Protein backbone atom coordinates (compact mmCIF):
# COMPACT_ATOMS: atom_id res chain seq x y z
CA MET A 1 12.57 19.60 23.44
CA GLN A 2 9.08 21.03 23.83
CA ILE A 3 6.45 18.52 25.02
CA GLU A 4 2.72 18.81 24.27
CA TYR A 5 -0.07 16.26 24.45
CA GLN A 6 -3.83 16.17 24.15
CA THR A 7 -6.63 13.61 24.34
CA LEU A 8 -8.76 13.09 21.23
CA GLU A 9 -12.21 11.52 21.15
CA LEU A 10 -12.46 9.46 18.00
CA ARG A 11 -15.92 8.71 16.60
CA LEU A 12 -16.35 5.33 14.92
CA HIS A 13 -18.36 4.73 11.77
CA HIS A 14 -20.05 1.75 13.42
CA THR A 15 -20.19 0.39 16.96
CA PHE A 16 -17.00 -1.63 17.45
CA HIS A 17 -18.27 -4.73 19.20
CA ILE A 18 -15.84 -7.54 20.02
CA ALA A 19 -15.70 -10.26 22.68
CA HIS A 20 -14.16 -7.74 25.14
CA GLY A 21 -17.06 -5.27 24.83
CA ALA A 22 -18.45 -2.56 22.57
CA SER A 23 -17.71 1.13 21.93
CA ASP A 24 -18.85 3.96 19.66
CA THR A 25 -15.89 6.19 20.48
CA ARG A 26 -12.26 5.76 21.49
CA ARG A 27 -10.04 8.18 23.40
CA ASN A 28 -6.44 8.31 22.16
CA VAL A 29 -3.63 10.63 23.18
CA ILE A 30 -1.53 12.59 20.67
CA LEU A 31 1.98 13.55 21.78
CA ARG A 32 4.34 16.09 20.26
CA ILE A 33 8.04 16.05 21.17
CA GLY A 34 9.75 18.88 19.32
CA ASP A 35 8.46 18.47 15.76
CA GLY A 36 7.80 14.74 16.17
CA LEU A 37 4.29 13.28 16.51
CA GLY A 38 3.28 10.13 18.38
CA GLU A 39 0.04 8.43 19.35
CA ALA A 40 -1.08 6.33 22.30
CA ALA A 41 -4.13 4.13 21.69
CA PRO A 42 -4.87 2.66 25.13
CA VAL A 43 -7.43 -0.11 25.57
CA ALA A 44 -9.11 -1.22 28.77
CA TYR A 45 -8.45 -4.93 28.26
CA HIS A 46 -4.72 -4.18 28.44
CA GLY A 47 -5.33 -2.20 31.64
CA GLU A 48 -4.74 1.20 30.04
CA SER A 49 -6.75 4.39 29.55
CA ALA A 50 -6.32 7.88 28.13
CA GLU A 51 -6.30 9.27 31.67
CA ALA A 52 -3.50 6.92 32.69
CA VAL A 53 -1.51 7.87 29.57
CA THR A 54 -1.73 11.60 30.33
CA GLU A 55 -0.82 11.00 33.97
CA THR A 56 2.19 8.98 32.87
CA LEU A 57 3.28 11.67 30.42
CA ALA A 58 2.99 14.29 33.14
CA GLY A 59 5.35 12.21 35.27
CA TRP A 60 7.80 11.86 32.39
CA GLN A 61 7.61 15.46 31.20
CA ALA A 62 10.73 16.73 32.96
CA GLU A 63 12.82 13.83 31.61
CA LEU A 64 11.47 14.30 28.09
CA ALA A 65 11.91 18.07 28.16
CA HIS A 66 15.65 17.67 28.76
CA LEU A 67 16.02 15.39 25.76
CA ASP A 68 17.87 17.22 22.95
CA ASP A 69 18.63 14.28 20.63
CA PRO A 70 15.73 12.39 19.03
CA SER A 71 18.02 9.45 18.28
CA ALA A 72 18.31 8.71 22.02
CA ILE A 73 15.20 6.53 21.84
CA SER A 74 16.58 3.52 23.72
CA TRP A 75 18.10 5.80 26.35
CA ILE A 76 14.86 7.65 27.11
CA LEU A 77 12.65 4.54 27.02
CA GLU A 78 14.94 2.88 29.56
CA ARG A 79 14.12 5.77 31.90
CA CYS A 80 10.40 5.93 31.07
CA GLN A 81 9.01 2.61 32.23
CA GLY A 82 5.35 1.72 32.61
CA SER A 83 2.42 2.08 30.24
CA ARG A 84 3.19 0.45 26.89
CA ALA A 85 0.82 2.72 24.98
CA THR A 86 2.58 5.76 26.47
CA ARG A 87 6.00 4.37 25.61
CA ALA A 88 4.73 3.79 22.07
CA ALA A 89 3.72 7.45 21.79
CA VAL A 90 7.20 8.55 22.89
CA ASP A 91 8.92 6.06 20.55
CA LEU A 92 6.80 7.18 17.57
CA ALA A 93 7.32 10.88 18.24
CA LEU A 94 11.10 10.46 18.47
CA HIS A 95 11.29 8.34 15.30
CA ASP A 96 9.23 11.01 13.54
CA ALA A 97 11.49 13.81 14.85
CA LEU A 98 14.64 11.89 13.92
CA GLY A 99 13.45 11.23 10.38
CA LYS A 100 12.59 14.90 9.98
CA ARG A 101 16.00 15.94 11.30
CA LEU A 102 17.76 13.59 8.86
CA GLY A 103 15.39 14.34 5.97
CA CYS A 104 14.27 10.75 5.33
CA PRO A 105 11.21 8.57 5.96
CA VAL A 106 11.36 6.26 8.95
CA TYR A 107 11.25 3.15 6.75
CA GLN A 108 14.46 4.36 5.06
CA LEU A 109 15.98 5.12 8.45
CA LEU A 110 15.31 1.50 9.41
CA GLY A 111 16.73 0.10 6.16
CA LEU A 112 13.34 -1.18 4.97
CA SER A 113 13.03 0.54 1.58
CA LYS A 114 11.70 -1.47 -1.38
CA LEU A 115 10.10 -4.18 0.78
CA PRO A 116 6.56 -4.76 -0.52
CA LEU A 117 3.68 -4.41 1.94
CA PRO A 118 1.07 -7.19 2.16
CA PRO A 119 -2.57 -6.14 1.67
CA THR A 120 -4.47 -5.25 4.83
CA SER A 121 -7.55 -6.94 6.15
CA PHE A 122 -10.71 -4.99 7.03
CA THR A 123 -12.57 -5.73 10.26
CA ILE A 124 -16.21 -6.81 10.49
CA ALA A 125 -17.18 -6.33 14.13
CA ILE A 126 -19.88 -8.29 15.90
CA THR A 127 -23.26 -6.91 14.90
CA ALA A 128 -26.93 -7.84 14.76
CA PRO A 129 -27.77 -10.63 12.27
CA ASP A 130 -29.94 -8.35 10.14
CA GLU A 131 -27.09 -5.82 9.78
CA LEU A 132 -24.27 -8.23 9.05
CA ALA A 133 -24.80 -8.70 5.30
CA ALA A 134 -25.03 -4.93 4.81
CA ARG A 135 -21.72 -4.41 6.66
CA VAL A 136 -20.04 -6.99 4.44
CA ARG A 137 -21.40 -5.35 1.27
CA GLU A 138 -20.09 -1.98 2.50
CA ALA A 139 -16.65 -3.60 2.69
CA ALA A 140 -16.75 -4.89 -0.90
CA ALA A 141 -13.54 -2.97 -1.75
CA TYR A 142 -11.57 -5.10 0.72
CA PRO A 143 -10.71 -8.65 -0.43
CA ILE A 144 -9.62 -9.75 3.06
CA LEU A 145 -12.07 -9.56 5.96
CA LYS A 146 -11.25 -10.12 9.63
CA ILE A 147 -14.39 -11.31 11.38
CA LYS A 148 -14.81 -10.67 15.09
CA LEU A 149 -16.25 -13.70 16.92
CA GLY A 150 -16.73 -14.83 20.52
CA THR A 151 -20.54 -15.15 20.53
CA ASP A 152 -23.02 -18.01 20.72
CA ARG A 153 -23.62 -17.71 16.95
CA ASP A 154 -20.08 -17.72 15.57
CA LEU A 155 -20.67 -20.30 12.85
CA GLU A 156 -23.80 -18.49 11.73
CA ILE A 157 -21.82 -15.24 11.43
CA VAL A 158 -19.11 -16.80 9.26
CA ARG A 159 -21.64 -18.66 7.10
CA THR A 160 -23.55 -15.44 6.46
CA ILE A 161 -20.38 -13.60 5.48
CA ARG A 162 -19.22 -16.45 3.26
CA ASP A 163 -22.61 -16.42 1.47
CA VAL A 164 -22.37 -12.66 0.86
CA ALA A 165 -18.66 -12.70 -0.05
CA PRO A 166 -17.91 -16.11 -1.62
CA ASN A 167 -14.52 -15.09 -3.04
CA THR A 168 -13.24 -13.04 -0.11
CA THR A 169 -10.39 -14.21 2.13
CA LEU A 170 -11.76 -14.65 5.64
CA ARG A 171 -9.81 -14.45 8.87
CA VAL A 172 -11.46 -14.75 12.27
CA ASP A 173 -10.58 -13.23 15.63
CA ALA A 174 -12.22 -14.61 18.74
CA ASN A 175 -10.50 -12.07 21.02
CA ALA A 176 -9.95 -14.73 23.71
CA GLY A 177 -13.64 -15.65 23.62
CA TRP A 178 -13.48 -19.48 23.30
CA THR A 179 -12.62 -22.40 25.50
CA VAL A 180 -10.39 -25.20 24.24
CA GLU A 181 -13.46 -27.37 23.73
CA GLN A 182 -15.21 -24.69 21.66
CA ALA A 183 -12.09 -24.15 19.56
CA LEU A 184 -11.71 -27.87 18.86
CA ARG A 185 -15.33 -28.02 17.75
CA LEU A 186 -15.48 -24.80 15.73
CA ILE A 187 -12.14 -24.69 13.92
CA PRO A 188 -12.69 -27.73 11.65
CA GLN A 189 -16.07 -26.28 10.65
CA LEU A 190 -14.48 -22.90 9.96
CA ALA A 191 -11.90 -24.63 7.80
CA GLU A 192 -14.73 -25.98 5.66
CA LEU A 193 -15.85 -22.37 5.15
CA GLY A 194 -12.39 -21.45 3.88
CA VAL A 195 -11.17 -19.45 6.89
CA GLU A 196 -7.48 -18.62 6.46
CA LEU A 197 -6.41 -18.19 10.10
CA ILE A 198 -7.73 -17.97 13.68
CA GLU A 199 -6.59 -15.14 15.93
CA GLN A 200 -6.51 -15.45 19.74
CA PRO A 201 -9.09 -18.19 20.26
CA LEU A 202 -8.28 -18.68 23.96
CA SER A 203 -7.81 -16.53 27.03
CA VAL A 204 -4.57 -14.61 27.39
CA ASP A 205 -2.85 -16.91 29.88
CA ASP A 206 -4.14 -20.29 28.64
CA PHE A 207 -0.76 -21.45 27.34
CA GLU A 208 -1.58 -25.10 27.94
CA GLY A 209 -4.80 -24.64 26.01
CA PHE A 210 -2.87 -23.28 23.05
CA ARG A 211 -0.56 -26.29 23.24
CA ALA A 212 -3.58 -28.60 23.26
CA LEU A 213 -4.81 -26.96 20.04
CA LYS A 214 -1.34 -27.35 18.54
CA ARG A 215 -1.28 -31.06 19.39
CA ALA A 216 -4.67 -31.47 17.71
CA ARG A 217 -3.09 -30.55 14.34
CA LEU A 218 -6.01 -28.34 13.40
CA PRO A 219 -6.38 -27.38 9.73
CA ILE A 220 -6.12 -23.59 10.32
CA PRO A 221 -3.09 -21.74 11.77
CA ILE A 222 -3.51 -20.19 15.22
CA ILE A 223 -2.21 -16.64 15.77
CA ALA A 224 -1.70 -15.20 19.26
CA ASP A 225 -2.55 -11.53 19.83
CA GLU A 226 -3.53 -10.48 23.36
CA SER A 227 -1.13 -13.09 24.77
CA VAL A 228 1.88 -11.41 23.12
CA LYS A 229 3.35 -8.07 24.16
CA THR A 230 7.10 -8.65 24.47
CA PRO A 231 9.77 -10.79 22.79
CA ALA A 232 9.70 -12.96 25.91
CA ASP A 233 6.00 -13.65 25.28
CA VAL A 234 6.86 -14.71 21.72
CA VAL A 235 9.37 -17.23 23.04
CA ARG A 236 6.92 -18.47 25.69
CA LEU A 237 4.32 -19.28 23.02
CA ALA A 238 6.63 -20.38 20.21
CA ASP A 239 5.79 -24.07 20.63
CA ALA A 240 2.06 -23.42 21.06
CA VAL A 241 1.00 -21.24 18.11
CA ASP A 242 1.73 -20.79 14.42
CA GLY A 243 2.16 -17.02 14.50
CA VAL A 244 1.85 -13.80 16.49
CA ASN A 245 0.14 -10.46 16.01
CA ILE A 246 2.56 -7.61 16.76
CA LYS A 247 1.12 -4.18 17.60
CA LEU A 248 3.10 -1.07 18.46
CA MET A 249 0.74 -0.26 21.32
CA LYS A 250 1.57 -3.61 22.93
CA THR A 251 5.32 -3.61 22.29
CA GLY A 252 5.87 0.00 23.35
CA GLY A 253 6.63 1.36 19.89
CA ILE A 254 8.75 0.68 16.83
CA GLN A 255 11.83 -0.51 18.71
CA GLY A 256 9.84 -3.03 20.71
CA ALA A 257 7.99 -4.19 17.61
CA LEU A 258 11.25 -4.78 15.74
CA ALA A 259 12.55 -6.87 18.62
CA ALA A 260 9.35 -8.93 18.72
CA ILE A 261 9.40 -9.42 14.93
CA GLN A 262 13.02 -10.57 14.99
CA THR A 263 12.28 -12.94 17.85
CA ALA A 264 9.25 -14.39 16.07
CA ARG A 265 11.29 -15.02 12.92
CA SER A 266 14.02 -16.73 14.94
CA CYS A 267 11.32 -19.00 16.41
CA GLY A 268 9.97 -19.87 12.96
CA LEU A 269 6.65 -18.11 13.49
CA LYS A 270 4.46 -16.26 11.02
CA ILE A 271 3.79 -12.58 11.80
CA MET A 272 0.77 -10.34 11.55
CA LEU A 273 1.26 -6.60 12.06
CA GLY A 274 -1.85 -5.09 13.58
CA CYS A 275 -3.15 -1.99 15.32
CA MET A 276 -5.71 -0.88 17.85
CA VAL A 277 -8.33 1.66 16.78
CA GLU A 278 -5.66 4.18 15.77
CA THR A 279 -5.62 7.28 13.61
CA SER A 280 -3.51 7.55 10.48
CA LEU A 281 -0.67 8.61 12.79
CA GLY A 282 -0.39 5.31 14.66
CA ALA A 283 -1.24 3.15 11.65
CA THR A 284 1.32 4.90 9.43
CA ALA A 285 3.96 4.32 12.09
CA ALA A 286 3.13 0.61 12.16
CA ALA A 287 3.13 0.41 8.36
CA GLN A 288 6.79 1.48 8.32
CA LEU A 289 7.47 -2.15 9.39
CA GLY A 290 4.96 -3.71 7.01
CA GLY A 291 7.55 -5.18 4.67
CA LEU A 292 8.83 -7.46 7.43
CA VAL A 293 5.61 -9.41 8.05
CA ASP A 294 3.31 -11.95 6.44
CA TRP A 295 -0.07 -10.31 7.10
CA LEU A 296 -1.25 -6.75 7.72
CA ASP A 297 -4.25 -5.69 9.79
CA LEU A 298 -3.91 -1.90 9.72
CA ASP A 299 -7.49 -0.79 9.11
CA GLY A 300 -7.73 1.41 12.21
CA PRO A 301 -8.07 4.69 10.26
CA LEU A 302 -10.83 3.18 8.11
CA LEU A 303 -12.95 2.63 11.22
CA ILE A 304 -12.74 6.28 12.36
CA ALA A 305 -15.13 9.02 11.20
CA ASN A 306 -12.96 11.94 12.35
CA ASP A 307 -9.35 10.91 11.69
CA PRO A 308 -7.37 14.14 12.25
CA PHE A 309 -4.33 13.09 10.19
CA THR A 310 -3.29 12.12 6.70
CA GLY A 311 -0.56 9.54 6.22
CA LEU A 312 -0.70 6.09 4.70
CA HIS A 313 -2.88 5.81 1.58
CA PHE A 314 -5.44 3.05 1.09
CA ASP A 315 -6.28 1.79 -2.38
CA GLY A 316 -8.71 -0.85 -1.29
CA ALA A 317 -6.59 -3.30 0.69
CA HIS A 318 -3.30 -2.01 -0.71
CA ILE A 319 -1.35 0.44 1.44
CA SER A 320 1.26 2.91 0.27
CA LEU A 321 3.45 4.90 2.62
CA PRO A 322 4.10 8.64 2.36
CA ASP A 323 7.64 9.51 1.30
CA ALA A 324 7.93 12.66 3.41
CA PRO A 325 10.58 12.77 6.17
CA GLY A 326 9.76 11.06 9.46
CA LEU A 327 6.47 9.20 9.59
CA GLY A 328 5.12 11.40 6.80
CA VAL A 329 1.96 12.19 8.75
CA MET A 330 0.29 15.60 8.56
CA PRO A 331 -2.52 17.07 10.70
CA ILE A 332 -5.69 17.94 8.81
CA ALA A 333 -6.19 21.67 9.31
CA SER A 334 -9.92 21.44 9.95
CA ALA A 335 -9.69 18.48 12.35
């Protein structure tokens, strides 16, 4: 199968500032295997970069080029170890190619037809106090906001947003920016502001800290994100959190995400399905699994000013999937 890949610089509508850092652009890698499309959205805080993805693909090219059956996804991923974002790109491209070969959407291929998709949240990144209210008003079409925290003014941020959007569902994401002591102090106050859930309050490896929060019987569920990449991570944290955020770029694609989702359900955990800053290609691939989860956070394409693909359709917070074969994603001719 013919292999092609290129790096895209994605321009963001607003500076994406979270506890890990800030960026105005992201560099993702688009992969084509035969007629299948995949995307890698590497992020530095997972130790990945666009350069590392392309280097990895160059090392895998001979193996991929000899692949003549897009259904051999498990077989090829067993041979292509390493970068999870790169494995995700391969997994997505092969699922897309397989769906096109069989003439059906990937969600049908996976037996997930007719499952309703939850509404997605929309992210409000960390921004200057005098810009925050304007950002929230811009997001008036989205009834669920995910607020990035991890600053010295977190309560002020949430109070401002609650004042501007009194009827909006609020979720917060500290991106590993709090200590246990901060979390114990802040979470009860956030509950009073009607926050629905807290995502990744503590550092990635602070498992005992998560257990301390669990023992405190806090009034808001705790969802692990950066701490969870594999099904084994789900099991490791099952007694410490209330749910997990599954992302294809962390699990290495659709197959890995399905395994993590099944493991989370067997552990009695709630599930959020999220994304990095991804184009409509990556987000549409994730949305194929949307009917299996409790919460969606697939706003990546809404953050990008130059998304080069069409795929999933947003009607406010409601997502609908394309019914074309494969992932149903098409390049925009002018992009």
